Amino acid sequence: MASKKFLELQDFSEEDLMAQLEDTEAQYAKMRYDHKLTGLDNPMEMKELRKDVARIKTEIRRRQINNMTEAQLAKRSKIRARRSWKK
């Protein structure tokens, strides 16, 4: 089941996603800095921001894969198959 935040991200445009990613990463960097200096009241907020960054990056990558041509998808599949063979 998709989370509410993930469903909201699907409605964003490419520019909005990139702006959201920059803002969230900046918030996370500031929060990490503040946590190292003084500590946070609720350090679990850092975990939530990390998850938000991952959600945004996942949506961006999902859109990139959806926009790939057949040749690009075939090449990607070969690379993935080669990687799994080495394990």
Foldseek 3Di string as FASTA:
>chain_A
DDDPLLVVLVPDDPVVLVVVLVVLVVVLVVQVVCCVPPRDPDPCVNVVSVVVNVSSVVSVVVVVVVPDDPVVVVVVVVVVVVVVVVD
